[in-house]
C-alpha atoms as a PDB file:
ATOM      1  CA  UNK A   1     -27.347  24.938   5.012  1.00  0.00           C
ATOM      2  CA  UNK A   2     -23.411  24.101   3.560  1.00  0.00           C
ATOM      3  CA  UNK A   3     -22.875  20.857   2.143  1.00  0.00           C
ATOM      4  CA  UNK A   4     -20.642  18.775   4.070  1.00  0.00           C
ATOM      5  CA  UNK A   5     -17.043  17.962   2.892  1.00  0.00           C
ATOM      6  CA  UNK A   6     -16.723  14.133   3.622  1.00  0.00           C
ATOM      7  CA  UNK A   7     -13.527  12.984   6.087  1.00  0.00           C
ATOM      8  CA  UNK A   8     -10.945  11.281   3.680  1.00  0.00           C
ATOM      9  CA  UNK A   9     -11.321   7.858   5.109  1.00  0.00           C
ATOM     10  CA  UNK A  10     -14.973   8.155   4.113  1.00  0.00           C
ATOM     11  CA  UNK A  11     -14.037   9.408   0.643  1.00  0.00           C
ATOM     12  CA  UNK A  12     -10.764   6.128  -0.160  1.00  0.00           C
ATOM     13  CA  UNK A  13     -14.223   4.088   0.977  1.00  0.00           C
ATOM     14  CA  UNK A  14     -16.126   5.639  -1.325  1.00  0.00           C
ATOM     15  CA  UNK A  15     -13.568   5.789  -4.463  1.00  0.00           C
ATOM     16  CA  UNK A  16     -12.520   1.981  -3.347  1.00  0.00           C
ATOM     17  CA  UNK A  17     -16.369   0.948  -3.819  1.00  0.00           C
ATOM     18  CA  UNK A  18     -16.157   2.634  -7.069  1.00  0.00           C
ATOM     19  CA  UNK A  19     -13.495   0.532  -8.377  1.00  0.00           C
ATOM     20  CA  UNK A  20     -15.779  -2.632  -7.663  1.00  0.00           C
ATOM     21  CA  UNK A  21     -16.335  -3.429 -11.909  1.00  0.00           C
ATOM     22  CA  UNK A  22     -12.528  -3.288 -12.151  1.00  0.00           C
ATOM     23  CA  UNK A  23     -12.002  -6.339  -9.047  1.00  0.00           C
ATOM     24  CA  UNK A  24     -14.650  -7.528 -10.340  1.00  0.00           C
ATOM     25  CA  UNK A  25     -13.650  -8.614 -13.482  1.00  0.00           C
ATOM     26  CA  UNK A  26      -9.773  -9.798 -12.179  1.00  0.00           C
ATOM     27  CA  UNK A  27      -9.232 -13.220 -13.505  1.00  0.00           C
ATOM     28  CA  UNK A  28      -8.509 -15.344 -10.337  1.00  0.00           C
ATOM     29  CA  UNK A  29      -8.689 -15.307  -6.629  1.00  0.00           C
ATOM     30  CA  UNK A  30      -5.518 -13.937  -6.206  1.00  0.00           C
ATOM     31  CA  UNK A  31      -5.168 -10.947  -8.413  1.00  0.00           C
ATOM     32  CA  UNK A  32      -8.650 -10.228  -6.447  1.00  0.00           C
ATOM     33  CA  UNK A  33      -6.812 -11.187  -3.109  1.00  0.00           C
ATOM     34  CA  UNK A  34      -3.784  -8.241  -4.220  1.00  0.00           C
ATOM     35  CA  UNK A  35      -6.354  -6.215  -5.476  1.00  0.00           C
ATOM     36  CA  UNK A  36      -7.586  -5.917  -1.301  1.00  0.00           C
ATOM     37  CA  UNK A  37      -4.403  -6.114   0.097  1.00  0.00           C
ATOM     38  CA  UNK A  38      -3.144  -2.524  -1.947  1.00  0.00           C
ATOM     39  CA  UNK A  39      -7.229  -1.248  -1.100  1.00  0.00           C
ATOM     40  CA  UNK A  40      -5.805  -2.072   2.333  1.00  0.00           C
ATOM     41  CA  UNK A  41      -2.663   0.019   2.471  1.00  0.00           C
ATOM     42  CA  UNK A  42      -4.494   3.342   1.378  1.00  0.00           C
ATOM     43  CA  UNK A  43      -6.819   2.608   4.536  1.00  0.00           C
ATOM     44  CA  UNK A  44      -3.301   1.971   6.882  1.00  0.00           C
ATOM     45  CA  UNK A  45      -2.092   5.053   5.282  1.00  0.00           C
ATOM     46  CA  UNK A  46      -5.522   7.248   5.882  1.00  0.00           C
ATOM     47  CA  UNK A  47      -4.171   9.401   8.162  1.00  0.00           C
ATOM     48  CA  UNK A  48      -1.489  10.279   6.404  1.00  0.00           C
ATOM     49  CA  UNK A  49      -3.135  11.274   3.383  1.00  0.00           C
ATOM     50  CA  UNK A  50      -5.860  13.061   5.295  1.00  0.00           C
ATOM     51  CA  UNK A  51      -2.896  15.197   5.505  1.00  0.00           C
ATOM     52  CA  UNK A  52      -1.932  15.705   2.084  1.00  0.00           C
ATOM     53  CA  UNK A  53      -5.360  18.235   0.997  1.00  0.00           C
ATOM     54  CA  UNK A  54      -4.762  16.920  -2.271  1.00  0.00           C
ATOM     55  CA  UNK A  55      -8.116  17.552  -4.596  1.00  0.00           C
ATOM     56  CA  UNK A  56      -7.348  14.839  -6.524  1.00  0.00           C
ATOM     57  CA  UNK A  57      -8.337  12.081  -3.879  1.00  0.00           C
ATOM     58  CA  UNK A  58      -6.489   9.293  -6.020  1.00  0.00           C
ATOM     59  CA  UNK A  59      -2.865  10.794  -5.698  1.00  0.00           C
ATOM     60  CA  UNK A  60      -2.694  10.169  -2.249  1.00  0.00           C
ATOM     61  CA  UNK A  61      -4.365   6.928  -2.277  1.00  0.00           C
ATOM     62  CA  UNK A  62      -1.572   5.730  -4.776  1.00  0.00           C
ATOM     63  CA  UNK A  63       1.822   7.473  -2.907  1.00  0.00           C
ATOM     64  CA  UNK A  64      -0.082   5.266   0.197  1.00  0.00           C
ATOM     65  CA  UNK A  65       0.266   1.888  -1.366  1.00  0.00           C
ATOM     66  CA  UNK A  66       4.386   2.987  -2.652  1.00  0.00           C
ATOM     67  CA  UNK A  67       4.554   3.889   0.736  1.00  0.00           C
ATOM     68  CA  UNK A  68       3.865   0.547   2.205  1.00  0.00           C
ATOM     69  CA  UNK A  69       4.967  -1.100  -1.191  1.00  0.00           C
ATOM     70  CA  UNK A  70       8.747   0.557   0.015  1.00  0.00           C
ATOM     71  CA  UNK A  71       8.730  -0.436   3.372  1.00  0.00           C
ATOM     72  CA  UNK A  72       7.699  -4.037   2.801  1.00  0.00           C
ATOM     73  CA  UNK A  73      11.132  -4.068   0.093  1.00  0.00           C
ATOM     74  CA  UNK A  74      13.099  -2.684   2.822  1.00  0.00           C
ATOM     75  CA  UNK A  75      12.496  -5.130   5.440  1.00  0.00           C
ATOM     76  CA  UNK A  76      12.747  -7.954   3.056  1.00  0.00           C
ATOM     77  CA  UNK A  77      16.341  -6.081   1.858  1.00  0.00           C
ATOM     78  CA  UNK A  78      17.219  -6.163   5.632  1.00  0.00           C
ATOM     79  CA  UNK A  79      16.582 -10.318   5.243  1.00  0.00           C
ATOM     80  CA  UNK A  80      17.734 -10.928   2.427  1.00  0.00           C
ATOM     81  CA  UNK A  81      21.346  -8.733   3.260  1.00  0.00           C
ATOM     82  CA  UNK A  82      21.417 -11.043   7.177  1.00  0.00           C
ATOM     83  CA  UNK A  83      20.370 -14.072   5.350  1.00  0.00           C
ATOM     84  CA  UNK A  84      23.779 -13.449   2.768  1.00  0.00           C
ATOM     85  CA  UNK A  85      26.110 -12.142   5.822  1.00  0.00           C
ATOM     86  CA  UNK A  86      24.760 -15.671   7.579  1.00  0.00           C
ATOM     87  CA  UNK A  87      25.787 -18.434   3.939  1.00  0.00           C
ATOM     88  CA  UNK A  88      28.846 -16.648   3.875  1.00  0.00           C
ATOM     89  CA  UNK A  89      31.644 -18.442   4.507  1.00  0.00           C
ATOM     90  CA  UNK A  90      34.532 -17.729   7.332  1.00  0.00           C
ATOM     91  CA  UNK A  91      37.059 -16.343   5.941  1.00  0.00           C
ATOM     92  CA  UNK A  92      40.230 -17.984   8.313  1.00  0.00           C
ATOM     93  CA  UNK A  93      43.452 -15.646   7.672  1.00  0.00           C
ATOM     94  CA  UNK A  94      46.314 -19.134   8.394  1.00  0.00           C
END
């Protein structure tokens, strides 16, 4: 019988598990939570990662993280822009 290729979701869970030693070596709880957040970003983009057809699993994982971070940066930028506009003094034509 042939071998079964694990699903992408299963494969990233195995990859994440392989990083347990790294996570355990992180200095504090904040770093560990940040690591968990990054791994959650990989999980959030699992559907896209499974379409990448990339034999190196880590590459679509990194792209997933970059994508999620970019989305957050754009949201924060829009919020900052809105705050800046709201706090600018109104120019009066006198």
